[in-house]
Amino acid sequence: MFYRKPIEERIAERQAKLRPLKEGRHFEHGPAKFVFISLITIVVLVHFVGLAIVMHFYS
């Protein structure tokens, strides 16, 4: 009926229009960045809370 390019060709054309990425200024996946930073924050907070508890009971 109507001719439409395959999805691979449409994606390739869209990516060709994008400007080049700056080295060291790009994180591939936005949600992955959010999860990574959240996990790091949680780990740091848990360590500080654990340290405060240990210092409270053993001082």
C-alpha atoms as a PDB file:
ATOM      1  CA  MET A   1       0.000   0.000   0.000  1.00  0.00           C
ATOM      2  CA  PHE A   2       2.222   2.864   1.230  1.00  0.00           C
ATOM      3  CA  TYR A   3       5.983   2.519   1.168  1.00  0.00           C
ATOM      4  CA  ARG A   4       7.636   3.050   4.531  1.00  0.00           C
ATOM      5  CA  LYS A   5      11.340   2.638   5.296  1.00  0.00           C
ATOM      6  CA  PRO A   6      12.349  -0.143   7.689  1.00  0.00           C
ATOM      7  CA  ILE A   7      12.798   0.870  11.308  1.00  0.00           C
ATOM      8  CA  GLU A   8      16.577   0.375  11.112  1.00  0.00           C
ATOM      9  CA  GLU A   9      16.896   2.919   8.304  1.00  0.00           C
ATOM     10  CA  ARG A  10      14.699   5.453  10.110  1.00  0.00           C
ATOM     11  CA  ILE A  11      16.774   5.089  13.291  1.00  0.00           C
ATOM     12  CA  ALA A  12      20.028   5.450  11.323  1.00  0.00           C
ATOM     13  CA  GLU A  13      18.778   8.643   9.656  1.00  0.00           C
ATOM     14  CA  ARG A  14      17.677  10.097  12.993  1.00  0.00           C
ATOM     15  CA  GLN A  15      21.047   9.305  14.610  1.00  0.00           C
ATOM     16  CA  ALA A  16      22.934  10.796  11.654  1.00  0.00           C
ATOM     17  CA  LYS A  17      21.179  14.141  12.293  1.00  0.00           C
ATOM     18  CA  LEU A  18      22.361  14.275  15.932  1.00  0.00           C
ATOM     19  CA  ARG A  19      25.425  16.334  16.823  1.00  0.00           C
ATOM     20  CA  PRO A  20      28.498  14.422  18.035  1.00  0.00           C
ATOM     21  CA  LEU A  21      28.651  13.653  21.753  1.00  0.00           C
ATOM     22  CA  LYS A  22      31.172  15.463  23.949  1.00  0.00           C
ATOM     23  CA  GLU A  23      33.762  13.183  25.531  1.00  0.00           C
ATOM     24  CA  GLY A  24      33.111  12.610  29.238  1.00  0.00           C
ATOM     25  CA  ARG A  25      29.906  14.678  29.267  1.00  0.00           C
ATOM     26  CA  HIS A  26      27.408  11.998  28.281  1.00  0.00           C
ATOM     27  CA  PHE A  27      25.685   9.194  30.153  1.00  0.00           C
ATOM     28  CA  GLU A  28      24.134   6.674  27.755  1.00  0.00           C
ATOM     29  CA  HIS A  29      20.908   5.964  29.585  1.00  0.00           C
ATOM     30  CA  GLY A  30      19.029   8.547  31.695  1.00  0.00           C
ATOM     31  CA  PRO A  31      17.140   6.112  33.958  1.00  0.00           C
ATOM     32  CA  ALA A  32      20.343   4.126  34.528  1.00  0.00           C
ATOM     33  CA  LYS A  33      22.038   7.333  35.680  1.00  0.00           C
ATOM     34  CA  PHE A  34      19.181   7.988  38.111  1.00  0.00           C
ATOM     35  CA  VAL A  35      19.341   4.448  39.530  1.00  0.00           C
ATOM     36  CA  PHE A  36      23.145   4.582  39.824  1.00  0.00           C
ATOM     37  CA  ILE A  37      23.165   7.897  41.703  1.00  0.00           C
ATOM     38  CA  SER A  38      20.267   6.766  43.932  1.00  0.00           C
ATOM     39  CA  LEU A  39      22.045   3.549  44.903  1.00  0.00           C
ATOM     40  CA  ILE A  40      25.297   5.366  45.663  1.00  0.00           C
ATOM     41  CA  THR A  41      23.398   7.868  47.831  1.00  0.00           C
ATOM     42  CA  ILE A  42      21.568   5.107  49.720  1.00  0.00           C
ATOM     43  CA  VAL A  43      24.811   3.210  50.364  1.00  0.00           C
ATOM     44  CA  VAL A  44      26.537   6.325  51.717  1.00  0.00           C
ATOM     45  CA  LEU A  45      23.576   7.193  53.962  1.00  0.00           C
ATOM     46  CA  VAL A  46      23.329   3.635  55.333  1.00  0.00           C
ATOM     47  CA  HIS A  47      27.039   3.694  56.150  1.00  0.00           C
ATOM     48  CA  PHE A  48      26.734   6.986  58.026  1.00  0.00           C
ATOM     49  CA  VAL A  49      23.667   5.785  59.969  1.00  0.00           C
ATOM     50  CA  GLY A  50      25.416   2.516  60.823  1.00  0.00           C
ATOM     51  CA  LEU A  51      28.517   4.391  61.954  1.00  0.00           C
ATOM     52  CA  ALA A  52      26.396   6.691  64.149  1.00  0.00           C
ATOM     53  CA  ILE A  53      24.659   3.702  65.753  1.00  0.00           C
ATOM     54  CA  VAL A  54      27.952   1.930  66.439  1.00  0.00           C
ATOM     55  CA  MET A  55      29.489   5.105  67.882  1.00  0.00           C
ATOM     56  CA  HIS A  56      26.447   5.631  70.111  1.00  0.00           C
ATOM     57  CA  PHE A  57      26.475   2.123  71.626  1.00  0.00           C
ATOM     58  CA  TYR A  58      30.251   1.655  71.922  1.00  0.00           C
ATOM     59  CA  SER A  59      31.307   5.020  73.329  1.00  0.00           C
END
